[in-house]
Amino acid sequence: KPDQQMSSSTDGSAFLPCLSWGWGLLSSGANTTEPILARGWDCSLQLLRATLPNEEALDEIQWPAFGLHEEMTVTAPVVALEWLGERSMVYLSLTNEFTVIDTITMTVVERLDMTGLKLVYAEFSLSRPSENRCISTTFQNSVRS
């Protein structure tokens, strides 16, 4: 079943985006953390730099703007995403690969095959026809002690 979903997800419509906010260091050379929105959608992992509203114009509503800072293509759709620290994040793929990424160099630090483990995570499907089912997965708050 996951193979069928991967082959039918070439346009990204079969998977909901995964989002994770974090204060991160980026490859810009500055040694300061910035608010970064990480987005995993299908086989794409993106880091979006947030530009915060001008504090001087308090009388009008302003929204943050997002610009693509880094992007990488991964081998299987991303189903969960989380920041580990200011220069590292982790994602879980549809094939149960748990991958740690260095956000400065955008390289894989470690990849673990979690297929044999009994992971605790939730999978949500939207109410669409079964051939175009949307999937969202999270592993937030699922660590067992």
N, C-alpha and C. Protein backbone atom coordinates (compact mmCIF):
# COMPACT_ATOMS: atom_id res chain seq x y z
N LYS A 1 0.80 -1.20 0.00
CA LYS A 1 0.00 0.00 0.00
C LYS A 1 0.85 1.28 0.00
N PRO A 2 1.93 1.39 0.81
CA PRO A 2 2.76 2.60 0.72
C PRO A 2 3.37 2.80 -0.66
N ASP A 3 3.74 1.70 -1.37
CA ASP A 3 4.29 1.85 -2.71
C ASP A 3 3.28 2.45 -3.66
N GLN A 4 2.02 2.05 -3.53
CA GLN A 4 0.98 2.62 -4.38
C GLN A 4 0.83 4.11 -4.09
N GLN A 5 0.89 4.50 -2.81
CA GLN A 5 0.75 5.90 -2.46
C GLN A 5 1.93 6.70 -2.97
N MET A 6 3.14 6.15 -2.89
CA MET A 6 4.30 6.89 -3.38
C MET A 6 4.22 7.09 -4.88
N SER A 7 3.79 6.08 -5.61
CA SER A 7 3.74 6.23 -7.06
C SER A 7 2.63 7.17 -7.49
N SER A 8 1.59 7.32 -6.67
CA SER A 8 0.49 8.21 -7.06
C SER A 8 0.69 9.62 -6.51
N SER A 9 1.81 9.90 -5.85
CA SER A 9 1.98 11.19 -5.21
C SER A 9 2.93 12.11 -5.97
N THR A 10 3.07 11.93 -7.25
CA THR A 10 4.04 12.73 -8.00
C THR A 10 3.72 14.21 -7.99
N ASP A 11 2.46 14.58 -7.82
CA ASP A 11 2.13 16.00 -7.76
C ASP A 11 2.04 16.51 -6.34
N GLY A 12 2.30 15.68 -5.34
CA GLY A 12 2.29 16.11 -3.95
C GLY A 12 0.91 16.16 -3.33
N SER A 13 -0.13 15.82 -4.06
CA SER A 13 -1.49 15.97 -3.55
C SER A 13 -1.91 14.87 -2.59
N ALA A 14 -1.20 13.77 -2.55
CA ALA A 14 -1.59 12.66 -1.68
C ALA A 14 -1.11 12.86 -0.24
N PHE A 15 -0.26 13.84 0.01
CA PHE A 15 0.29 14.05 1.34
C PHE A 15 0.09 15.49 1.79
N LEU A 16 -0.29 15.64 3.03
CA LEU A 16 -0.40 16.97 3.61
C LEU A 16 0.99 17.45 4.00
N PRO A 17 1.22 18.75 3.96
CA PRO A 17 2.54 19.23 4.36
C PRO A 17 2.75 19.07 5.86
N CYS A 18 3.99 18.82 6.24
CA CYS A 18 4.39 18.77 7.65
C CYS A 18 5.11 20.07 7.93
N LEU A 19 4.78 20.72 9.03
CA LEU A 19 5.39 22.00 9.38
C LEU A 19 6.01 21.91 10.76
N SER A 20 7.13 22.60 10.94
CA SER A 20 7.78 22.66 12.24
C SER A 20 8.53 23.98 12.37
N TRP A 21 8.16 24.77 13.39
CA TRP A 21 8.85 26.01 13.68
C TRP A 21 10.07 25.74 14.52
N GLY A 22 11.12 26.50 14.30
CA GLY A 22 12.31 26.40 15.14
C GLY A 22 13.18 27.63 15.01
N TRP A 23 14.05 27.82 15.99
CA TRP A 23 15.07 28.85 15.92
C TRP A 23 16.31 28.15 15.40
N GLY A 24 16.74 28.50 14.20
CA GLY A 24 17.80 27.74 13.58
C GLY A 24 18.95 28.57 13.08
N LEU A 25 20.10 27.92 12.99
CA LEU A 25 21.27 28.48 12.32
C LEU A 25 21.21 28.05 10.87
N LEU A 26 21.53 28.95 9.97
CA LEU A 26 21.50 28.64 8.55
C LEU A 26 22.86 28.88 7.92
N SER A 27 22.97 28.57 6.66
CA SER A 27 24.24 28.68 5.94
C SER A 27 24.59 30.10 5.56
N SER A 28 23.89 31.09 6.09
CA SER A 28 24.14 32.48 5.71
C SER A 28 25.46 33.03 6.26
N GLY A 29 26.10 32.31 7.17
CA GLY A 29 27.38 32.76 7.71
C GLY A 29 27.25 33.45 9.04
N ALA A 30 26.08 34.00 9.35
CA ALA A 30 25.88 34.65 10.64
C ALA A 30 25.76 33.58 11.72
N ASN A 31 26.22 33.91 12.89
CA ASN A 31 26.17 32.96 14.00
C ASN A 31 25.00 33.28 14.93
N THR A 32 23.89 33.69 14.34
CA THR A 32 22.70 33.99 15.13
C THR A 32 21.55 33.09 14.67
N THR A 33 20.69 32.78 15.61
CA THR A 33 19.52 31.95 15.26
C THR A 33 18.42 32.85 14.71
N GLU A 34 17.65 32.27 13.81
CA GLU A 34 16.55 32.98 13.18
C GLU A 34 15.30 32.11 13.24
N PRO A 35 14.10 32.72 13.20
CA PRO A 35 12.90 31.88 13.14
C PRO A 35 12.79 31.24 11.75
N ILE A 36 12.72 29.92 11.74
CA ILE A 36 12.68 29.16 10.49
C ILE A 36 11.47 28.23 10.52
N LEU A 37 10.75 28.20 9.42
CA LEU A 37 9.66 27.25 9.26
C LEU A 37 10.16 26.14 8.33
N ALA A 38 10.22 24.94 8.87
CA ALA A 38 10.61 23.77 8.06
C ALA A 38 9.32 23.17 7.51
N ARG A 39 9.35 22.84 6.22
CA ARG A 39 8.17 22.26 5.57
C ARG A 39 8.59 21.02 4.79
N GLY A 40 7.94 19.92 5.11
CA GLY A 40 8.11 18.69 4.34
C GLY A 40 6.82 18.42 3.59
N TRP A 41 6.93 18.24 2.28
CA TRP A 41 5.73 18.02 1.49
C TRP A 41 6.12 17.06 0.37
N ASP A 42 5.53 15.88 0.42
CA ASP A 42 5.85 14.83 -0.53
C ASP A 42 7.35 14.55 -0.40
N CYS A 43 8.13 14.62 -1.45
CA CYS A 43 9.56 14.30 -1.39
C CYS A 43 10.43 15.55 -1.34
N SER A 44 9.89 16.62 -0.83
CA SER A 44 10.62 17.88 -0.72
C SER A 44 10.72 18.32 0.74
N LEU A 45 11.90 18.76 1.13
CA LEU A 45 12.14 19.31 2.46
C LEU A 45 12.65 20.73 2.27
N GLN A 46 11.94 21.71 2.83
CA GLN A 46 12.28 23.11 2.62
C GLN A 46 12.47 23.83 3.94
N LEU A 47 13.40 24.77 3.96
CA LEU A 47 13.57 25.68 5.08
C LEU A 47 13.16 27.06 4.60
N LEU A 48 12.16 27.63 5.27
CA LEU A 48 11.63 28.93 4.89
C LEU A 48 12.02 29.96 5.95
N ARG A 49 12.72 30.98 5.54
CA ARG A 49 13.13 32.05 6.46
C ARG A 49 11.95 33.00 6.65
N ALA A 50 11.67 33.30 7.89
CA ALA A 50 10.56 34.20 8.20
C ALA A 50 11.07 35.63 8.32
N THR A 51 10.37 36.55 7.66
CA THR A 51 10.63 37.97 7.82
C THR A 51 9.49 38.52 8.63
N LEU A 52 9.82 38.98 9.83
CA LEU A 52 8.78 39.42 10.75
C LEU A 52 8.30 40.82 10.40
N PRO A 53 7.05 41.15 10.78
CA PRO A 53 6.48 42.46 10.45
C PRO A 53 7.24 43.60 11.12
N ASN A 54 7.11 44.76 10.54
CA ASN A 54 7.71 45.98 11.07
C ASN A 54 6.99 46.36 12.36
N GLU A 55 7.73 46.52 13.43
CA GLU A 55 7.11 46.84 14.73
C GLU A 55 6.62 48.27 14.79
N GLU A 56 7.10 49.14 13.92
CA GLU A 56 6.72 50.55 13.96
C GLU A 56 5.28 50.77 13.53
N ALA A 57 4.75 49.94 12.65
CA ALA A 57 3.39 50.11 12.14
C ALA A 57 2.42 49.25 12.97
N LEU A 58 2.18 49.64 14.20
CA LEU A 58 1.33 48.87 15.10
C LEU A 58 -0.16 49.08 14.82
N ASP A 59 -0.52 50.12 14.07
CA ASP A 59 -1.92 50.42 13.84
C ASP A 59 -2.55 49.57 12.73
N GLU A 60 -1.76 48.81 12.00
CA GLU A 60 -2.30 47.95 10.95
C GLU A 60 -1.84 46.51 11.15
N ILE A 61 -2.65 45.58 10.67
CA ILE A 61 -2.33 44.16 10.80
C ILE A 61 -1.28 43.80 9.76
N GLN A 62 -0.22 43.15 10.22
CA GLN A 62 0.84 42.71 9.32
C GLN A 62 1.11 41.24 9.57
N TRP A 63 1.45 40.52 8.52
CA TRP A 63 1.73 39.10 8.62
C TRP A 63 3.18 38.84 8.26
N PRO A 64 3.78 37.81 8.85
CA PRO A 64 5.16 37.50 8.46
C PRO A 64 5.21 37.02 7.01
N ALA A 65 6.33 37.27 6.37
CA ALA A 65 6.56 36.79 5.00
C ALA A 65 7.57 35.66 5.06
N PHE A 66 7.48 34.74 4.12
CA PHE A 66 8.37 33.59 4.10
C PHE A 66 9.10 33.51 2.77
N GLY A 67 10.38 33.29 2.84
CA GLY A 67 11.20 33.12 1.64
C GLY A 67 11.93 31.80 1.71
N LEU A 68 12.01 31.12 0.60
CA LEU A 68 12.70 29.84 0.54
C LEU A 68 14.20 30.07 0.73
N HIS A 69 14.76 29.44 1.75
CA HIS A 69 16.19 29.56 2.02
C HIS A 69 16.95 28.35 1.47
N GLU A 70 16.49 27.16 1.80
CA GLU A 70 17.14 25.93 1.35
C GLU A 70 16.06 24.91 0.99
N GLU A 71 16.39 24.02 0.08
CA GLU A 71 15.47 22.95 -0.30
C GLU A 71 16.28 21.72 -0.68
N MET A 72 15.77 20.57 -0.29
CA MET A 72 16.39 19.32 -0.72
C MET A 72 15.32 18.31 -1.06
N THR A 73 15.63 17.45 -2.02
CA THR A 73 14.72 16.39 -2.43
C THR A 73 15.13 15.13 -1.69
N VAL A 74 14.14 14.44 -1.14
CA VAL A 74 14.40 13.20 -0.41
C VAL A 74 13.81 12.03 -1.18
N THR A 75 14.20 10.81 -0.81
CA THR A 75 13.84 9.63 -1.60
C THR A 75 12.41 9.14 -1.42
N ALA A 76 11.79 9.46 -0.29
CA ALA A 76 10.41 9.01 -0.03
C ALA A 76 9.65 10.16 0.60
N PRO A 77 8.33 10.18 0.47
CA PRO A 77 7.54 11.28 1.04
C PRO A 77 7.76 11.45 2.54
N VAL A 78 7.87 12.72 2.96
CA VAL A 78 8.03 13.07 4.37
C VAL A 78 6.67 13.04 5.03
N VAL A 79 6.57 12.28 6.14
CA VAL A 79 5.28 12.18 6.83
C VAL A 79 5.31 12.82 8.22
N ALA A 80 6.49 13.17 8.73
CA ALA A 80 6.61 13.87 10.01
C ALA A 80 7.95 14.60 10.03
N LEU A 81 7.99 15.72 10.76
CA LEU A 81 9.14 16.60 10.73
C LEU A 81 9.25 17.31 12.07
N GLU A 82 10.47 17.44 12.60
CA GLU A 82 10.65 18.12 13.89
C GLU A 82 12.08 18.65 14.01
N TRP A 83 12.23 19.83 14.63
CA TRP A 83 13.55 20.39 14.92
C TRP A 83 14.13 19.66 16.12
N LEU A 84 15.43 19.34 16.07
CA LEU A 84 16.13 18.75 17.21
C LEU A 84 16.93 19.79 17.97
N GLY A 85 17.46 20.75 17.28
CA GLY A 85 18.27 21.82 17.86
C GLY A 85 18.39 22.94 16.86
N GLU A 86 19.28 23.89 17.13
CA GLU A 86 19.36 25.05 16.24
C GLU A 86 20.04 24.75 14.91
N ARG A 87 20.69 23.61 14.77
CA ARG A 87 21.29 23.27 13.47
C ARG A 87 20.96 21.85 13.01
N SER A 88 19.93 21.25 13.60
CA SER A 88 19.57 19.90 13.16
C SER A 88 18.08 19.67 13.26
N MET A 89 17.59 18.88 12.32
CA MET A 89 16.18 18.50 12.31
C MET A 89 16.08 17.04 11.90
N VAL A 90 14.92 16.46 12.15
CA VAL A 90 14.70 15.05 11.85
C VAL A 90 13.39 14.93 11.08
N TYR A 91 13.34 13.97 10.17
CA TYR A 91 12.08 13.68 9.50
C TYR A 91 11.89 12.17 9.42
N LEU A 92 10.65 11.78 9.35
CA LEU A 92 10.26 10.38 9.18
C LEU A 92 9.65 10.26 7.79
N SER A 93 10.11 9.29 7.02
CA SER A 93 9.58 9.12 5.67
C SER A 93 8.51 8.04 5.65
N LEU A 94 7.80 7.96 4.56
CA LEU A 94 6.76 6.96 4.39
C LEU A 94 7.32 5.54 4.47
N THR A 95 8.59 5.39 4.15
CA THR A 95 9.24 4.07 4.19
C THR A 95 9.85 3.77 5.57
N ASN A 96 9.46 4.55 6.59
CA ASN A 96 9.91 4.38 7.98
C ASN A 96 11.40 4.62 8.15
N GLU A 97 11.97 5.51 7.35
CA GLU A 97 13.34 5.94 7.56
C GLU A 97 13.33 7.20 8.40
N PHE A 98 14.09 7.19 9.48
CA PHE A 98 14.23 8.29 10.41
C PHE A 98 15.55 8.96 10.07
N THR A 99 15.51 10.20 9.56
CA THR A 99 16.70 10.85 9.02
C THR A 99 16.99 12.16 9.75
N VAL A 100 18.23 12.34 10.18
CA VAL A 100 18.68 13.57 10.83
C VAL A 100 19.43 14.40 9.79
N ILE A 101 19.08 15.68 9.68
CA ILE A 101 19.65 16.61 8.70
C ILE A 101 20.38 17.74 9.41
N ASP A 102 21.56 18.09 8.93
CA ASP A 102 22.27 19.29 9.38
C ASP A 102 21.71 20.44 8.55
N THR A 103 21.11 21.45 9.19
CA THR A 103 20.44 22.52 8.46
C THR A 103 21.41 23.57 7.89
N ILE A 104 22.66 23.55 8.32
CA ILE A 104 23.63 24.49 7.76
C ILE A 104 24.16 23.96 6.43
N THR A 105 24.53 22.69 6.40
CA THR A 105 25.08 22.11 5.17
C THR A 105 24.01 21.38 4.34
N MET A 106 22.82 21.20 4.91
CA MET A 106 21.72 20.46 4.27
C MET A 106 22.20 19.08 3.82
N THR A 107 22.86 18.39 4.73
CA THR A 107 23.32 17.04 4.47
C THR A 107 22.76 16.09 5.52
N VAL A 108 22.71 14.82 5.16
CA VAL A 108 22.23 13.78 6.06
C VAL A 108 23.31 13.49 7.09
N VAL A 109 22.96 13.58 8.37
CA VAL A 109 23.88 13.27 9.45
C VAL A 109 23.76 11.79 9.82
N GLU A 110 22.52 11.31 9.88
CA GLU A 110 22.28 9.92 10.22
C GLU A 110 20.94 9.48 9.64
N ARG A 111 20.89 8.23 9.23
CA ARG A 111 19.65 7.65 8.70
C ARG A 111 19.46 6.28 9.35
N LEU A 112 18.29 6.10 9.94
CA LEU A 112 17.97 4.84 10.62
C LEU A 112 16.74 4.22 9.98
N ASP A 113 16.80 2.92 9.73
CA ASP A 113 15.63 2.20 9.22
C ASP A 113 14.82 1.75 10.42
N MET A 114 13.62 2.29 10.55
CA MET A 114 12.77 2.00 11.71
C MET A 114 11.69 0.96 11.37
N THR A 115 11.83 0.26 10.26
CA THR A 115 10.82 -0.68 9.82
C THR A 115 10.55 -1.77 10.85
N GLY A 116 11.60 -2.29 11.49
CA GLY A 116 11.43 -3.39 12.44
C GLY A 116 10.96 -2.96 13.82
N LEU A 117 10.93 -1.66 14.09
CA LEU A 117 10.52 -1.17 15.40
C LEU A 117 9.03 -0.88 15.41
N LYS A 118 8.45 -0.96 16.57
CA LYS A 118 7.02 -0.64 16.71
C LYS A 118 6.91 0.82 17.13
N LEU A 119 6.83 1.69 16.13
CA LEU A 119 6.75 3.12 16.38
C LEU A 119 5.37 3.50 16.89
N VAL A 120 5.35 4.55 17.69
CA VAL A 120 4.09 5.11 18.16
C VAL A 120 3.89 6.43 17.43
N TYR A 121 2.97 6.45 16.53
CA TYR A 121 2.64 7.70 15.86
C TYR A 121 1.20 7.64 15.38
N ALA A 122 0.66 8.80 15.07
CA ALA A 122 -0.72 8.88 14.63
C ALA A 122 -0.75 9.19 13.14
N GLU A 123 -1.66 8.57 12.42
CA GLU A 123 -1.82 8.83 11.00
C GLU A 123 -3.25 9.29 10.78
N PHE A 124 -3.40 10.41 10.12
CA PHE A 124 -4.72 11.00 9.90
C PHE A 124 -5.02 11.02 8.40
N SER A 125 -6.21 10.64 8.05
CA SER A 125 -6.64 10.70 6.65
C SER A 125 -7.78 11.71 6.53
N LEU A 126 -7.75 12.48 5.47
CA LEU A 126 -8.85 13.40 5.20
C LEU A 126 -9.97 12.66 4.48
N SER A 127 -11.14 13.19 4.56
CA SER A 127 -12.27 12.52 3.92
C SER A 127 -12.30 12.81 2.43
N ARG A 128 -11.55 12.04 1.70
CA ARG A 128 -11.51 12.10 0.25
C ARG A 128 -11.70 10.69 -0.28
N PRO A 129 -11.97 10.55 -1.55
CA PRO A 129 -12.05 9.19 -2.10
C PRO A 129 -10.76 8.43 -1.84
N SER A 130 -10.85 7.13 -1.68
CA SER A 130 -9.71 6.32 -1.27
C SER A 130 -8.53 6.38 -2.24
N GLU A 131 -8.76 6.60 -3.54
CA GLU A 131 -7.63 6.65 -4.47
C GLU A 131 -6.85 7.96 -4.36
N ASN A 132 -7.43 9.00 -3.79
CA ASN A 132 -6.75 10.28 -3.61
C ASN A 132 -6.64 10.66 -2.14
N ARG A 133 -6.47 9.69 -1.29
CA ARG A 133 -6.45 9.92 0.15
C ARG A 133 -5.27 10.79 0.56
N CYS A 134 -5.50 11.77 1.42
CA CYS A 134 -4.44 12.61 1.98
C CYS A 134 -4.01 12.04 3.31
N ILE A 135 -2.72 12.07 3.56
CA ILE A 135 -2.18 11.49 4.78
C ILE A 135 -1.34 12.52 5.51
N SER A 136 -1.51 12.59 6.82
CA SER A 136 -0.68 13.42 7.68
C SER A 136 -0.27 12.59 8.88
N THR A 137 1.00 12.63 9.21
CA THR A 137 1.51 11.82 10.31
C THR A 137 2.29 12.71 11.26
N THR A 138 2.25 12.40 12.55
CA THR A 138 3.03 13.12 13.51
C THR A 138 3.65 12.18 14.51
N PHE A 139 4.86 12.52 14.99
CA PHE A 139 5.42 11.78 16.09
C PHE A 139 5.72 12.71 17.26
N GLN A 140 5.07 13.87 17.28
CA GLN A 140 5.20 14.76 18.43
C GLN A 140 4.57 14.09 19.64
N ASN A 141 5.16 14.26 20.79
CA ASN A 141 4.66 13.73 22.06
C ASN A 141 4.47 12.22 22.04
N SER A 142 5.29 11.52 21.27
CA SER A 142 5.12 10.07 21.19
C SER A 142 6.33 9.30 21.72
N VAL A 143 7.18 9.97 22.49
CA VAL A 143 8.35 9.31 23.04
C VAL A 143 7.96 8.57 24.29
N ARG A 144 8.28 7.29 24.32
CA ARG A 144 8.00 6.48 25.51
C ARG A 144 9.21 6.43 26.40
N SER A 145 9.00 6.52 27.71
CA SER A 145 10.14 6.44 28.62
C SER A 145 10.16 5.15 29.39
